[in-house]
Amino acid sequence: MAPYKSVKYRSWYSEIHKSEYVNAELDPTDTVINTDKLNTVVLDWVVQVEDDGQFDLFILQEFQKSFEDWTQDIISAVDVRLRKAVKELLRHRGIYIQINSRDTVITQLYNLLHLSSCPIWPDDELELMRLQLQLP
């Protein structure tokens, strides 16, 4: 896994971030999903978290608080590149999410919404992440 790159510097950022939806709120009970609004809300959350520097349980709790009522259908409507970026951000901030899992990223993110503690990193993946981040 490559070092984490902020979503602000990814080629697709300006393609899916819509200024008219900045600071918008989503109603998870809406029957029609506005994907432009959805992607902008998630992008804004990612940028905020990137700037805040939260790790481990704190970022997990922030993720859960921000998306607590989201269903797998809502998560699946998020742009695939953005879902992957959310997973990368969470992993780089200490939340264990299995790589090369049989579960989809949609399922993995949805499952995080219902955890009461941080998942435990397997030793081999923890060591690999330490090497990638150049930690002692």
Protein backbone atom coordinates (compact mmCIF):
# COMPACT_ATOMS: atom_id res chain seq x y z
CA MET A 1 0.00 0.00 0.00
CA ALA A 2 1.35 3.40 -0.99
CA PRO A 3 1.63 6.27 1.48
CA TYR A 4 -1.65 8.05 2.07
CA LYS A 5 -2.30 10.95 -0.32
CA SER A 6 -4.83 13.62 0.68
CA VAL A 7 -8.06 13.57 -1.30
CA LYS A 8 -7.50 17.26 -2.06
CA TYR A 9 -4.59 16.26 -4.34
CA ARG A 10 -6.22 13.36 -6.13
CA SER A 11 -7.09 13.86 -9.79
CA TRP A 12 -10.77 13.09 -9.25
CA TYR A 13 -11.37 15.51 -6.34
CA SER A 14 -12.67 18.43 -8.41
CA GLU A 15 -14.74 16.04 -10.51
CA ILE A 16 -16.88 14.85 -7.59
CA HIS A 17 -16.74 17.77 -5.12
CA LYS A 18 -19.68 20.10 -5.76
CA SER A 19 -19.46 23.49 -4.05
CA GLU A 20 -23.24 23.87 -3.86
CA TYR A 21 -23.32 20.98 -1.35
CA VAL A 22 -20.57 22.18 0.99
CA ASN A 23 -21.86 21.99 4.59
CA ALA A 24 -24.96 20.12 3.42
CA GLU A 25 -26.57 17.48 5.59
CA LEU A 26 -27.93 14.19 4.38
CA ASP A 27 -31.12 12.55 5.53
CA PRO A 28 -30.44 8.79 5.50
CA THR A 29 -34.17 8.16 5.24
CA ASP A 30 -34.47 9.88 1.85
CA THR A 31 -35.64 7.41 -0.76
CA VAL A 32 -33.64 9.07 -3.54
CA ILE A 33 -29.90 9.51 -3.09
CA ASN A 34 -28.33 12.64 -4.55
CA THR A 35 -24.85 11.29 -5.35
CA ASP A 36 -23.34 14.74 -5.91
CA LYS A 37 -24.47 15.79 -2.45
CA LEU A 38 -23.43 12.45 -0.95
CA ASN A 39 -19.92 12.57 -2.41
CA THR A 40 -19.41 16.18 -1.33
CA VAL A 41 -20.51 15.40 2.23
CA VAL A 42 -18.09 12.46 2.43
CA LEU A 43 -15.25 14.44 0.81
CA ASP A 44 -15.74 17.28 3.27
CA TRP A 45 -15.64 14.79 6.16
CA VAL A 46 -12.41 13.25 4.84
CA VAL A 47 -10.75 16.66 4.43
CA GLN A 48 -11.78 17.63 7.96
CA VAL A 49 -10.38 14.40 9.39
CA GLU A 50 -7.16 14.78 7.39
CA ASP A 51 -6.72 18.24 8.91
CA ASP A 52 -7.68 17.18 12.47
CA GLY A 53 -5.08 14.43 12.75
CA GLN A 54 -7.26 12.04 14.76
CA PHE A 55 -6.16 8.43 15.25
CA ASP A 56 -7.47 5.09 16.45
CA LEU A 57 -10.60 5.10 18.59
CA PHE A 58 -11.11 8.84 18.15
CA ILE A 59 -11.32 8.60 14.36
CA LEU A 60 -13.49 5.48 14.61
CA GLN A 61 -15.92 7.33 16.89
CA GLU A 62 -15.94 10.34 14.56
CA PHE A 63 -16.66 8.04 11.60
CA GLN A 64 -19.48 6.34 13.52
CA LYS A 65 -20.98 9.64 14.68
CA SER A 66 -20.89 11.15 11.20
CA PHE A 67 -22.37 8.16 9.37
CA GLU A 68 -24.27 6.30 12.11
CA ASP A 69 -27.57 5.92 10.25
CA TRP A 70 -26.09 5.07 6.88
CA THR A 71 -27.08 1.84 5.19
CA GLN A 72 -25.02 -0.26 2.83
CA ASP A 73 -27.09 1.21 -0.01
CA ILE A 74 -26.04 4.73 0.93
CA ILE A 75 -22.38 3.72 1.26
CA SER A 76 -22.54 1.93 -2.10
CA ALA A 77 -23.76 5.17 -3.73
CA VAL A 78 -20.53 6.93 -2.70
CA ASP A 79 -18.05 7.16 -5.57
CA VAL A 80 -15.87 4.04 -5.59
CA ARG A 81 -12.66 6.12 -5.55
CA LEU A 82 -13.88 7.98 -2.50
CA ARG A 83 -14.87 4.78 -0.66
CA LYS A 84 -11.35 3.49 -1.26
CA ALA A 85 -9.88 6.79 -0.02
CA VAL A 86 -11.96 6.56 3.19
CA LYS A 87 -10.67 3.03 3.77
CA GLU A 88 -7.06 4.17 3.15
CA LEU A 89 -7.44 7.13 5.50
CA LEU A 90 -8.87 4.98 8.29
CA ARG A 91 -6.11 2.39 7.88
CA HIS A 92 -3.39 5.04 7.89
CA ARG A 93 -4.91 6.51 11.04
CA GLY A 94 -4.79 3.22 12.93
CA ILE A 95 -8.13 1.54 12.18
CA TYR A 96 -7.57 -2.01 11.05
CA ILE A 97 -9.47 -2.86 7.89
CA GLN A 98 -8.36 -6.02 6.16
CA ILE A 99 -6.74 -5.64 2.78
CA ASN A 100 -7.60 -8.17 0.09
CA SER A 101 -10.73 -9.10 2.00
CA ARG A 102 -13.59 -11.11 0.57
CA ASP A 103 -15.85 -8.39 1.92
CA THR A 104 -16.38 -5.36 -0.26
CA VAL A 105 -15.20 -1.94 0.89
CA ILE A 106 -18.91 -1.14 1.26
CA THR A 107 -19.36 -3.98 3.76
CA GLN A 108 -16.12 -3.16 5.57
CA LEU A 109 -17.09 0.49 6.07
CA TYR A 110 -20.62 -0.46 7.10
CA ASN A 111 -19.29 -2.95 9.66
CA LEU A 112 -17.11 -0.24 11.23
CA LEU A 113 -20.26 1.70 12.06
CA HIS A 114 -21.26 -0.99 14.56
CA LEU A 115 -18.00 -1.65 16.44
CA SER A 116 -17.57 -0.69 20.08
CA SER A 117 -13.76 -0.80 19.98
CA CYS A 118 -10.98 -0.60 17.44
CA PRO A 119 -10.27 -3.80 15.52
CA ILE A 120 -6.99 -5.47 16.47
CA TRP A 121 -4.27 -5.45 13.83
CA PRO A 122 -2.74 -8.85 12.97
CA ASP A 123 1.01 -8.74 13.70
CA ASP A 124 2.06 -9.20 10.06
CA GLU A 125 -0.16 -6.38 8.77
CA LEU A 126 0.83 -4.13 11.66
CA GLU A 127 4.50 -4.64 10.83
CA LEU A 128 3.84 -3.94 7.16
CA MET A 129 2.01 -0.72 8.03
CA ARG A 130 4.87 0.34 10.32
CA LEU A 131 7.33 -0.16 7.48
CA GLN A 132 5.15 1.80 5.06
CA LEU A 133 4.79 4.67 7.51
CA GLN A 134 8.46 4.34 8.54
CA LEU A 135 7.62 3.98 12.22
CA PRO A 136 10.10 2.51 14.73
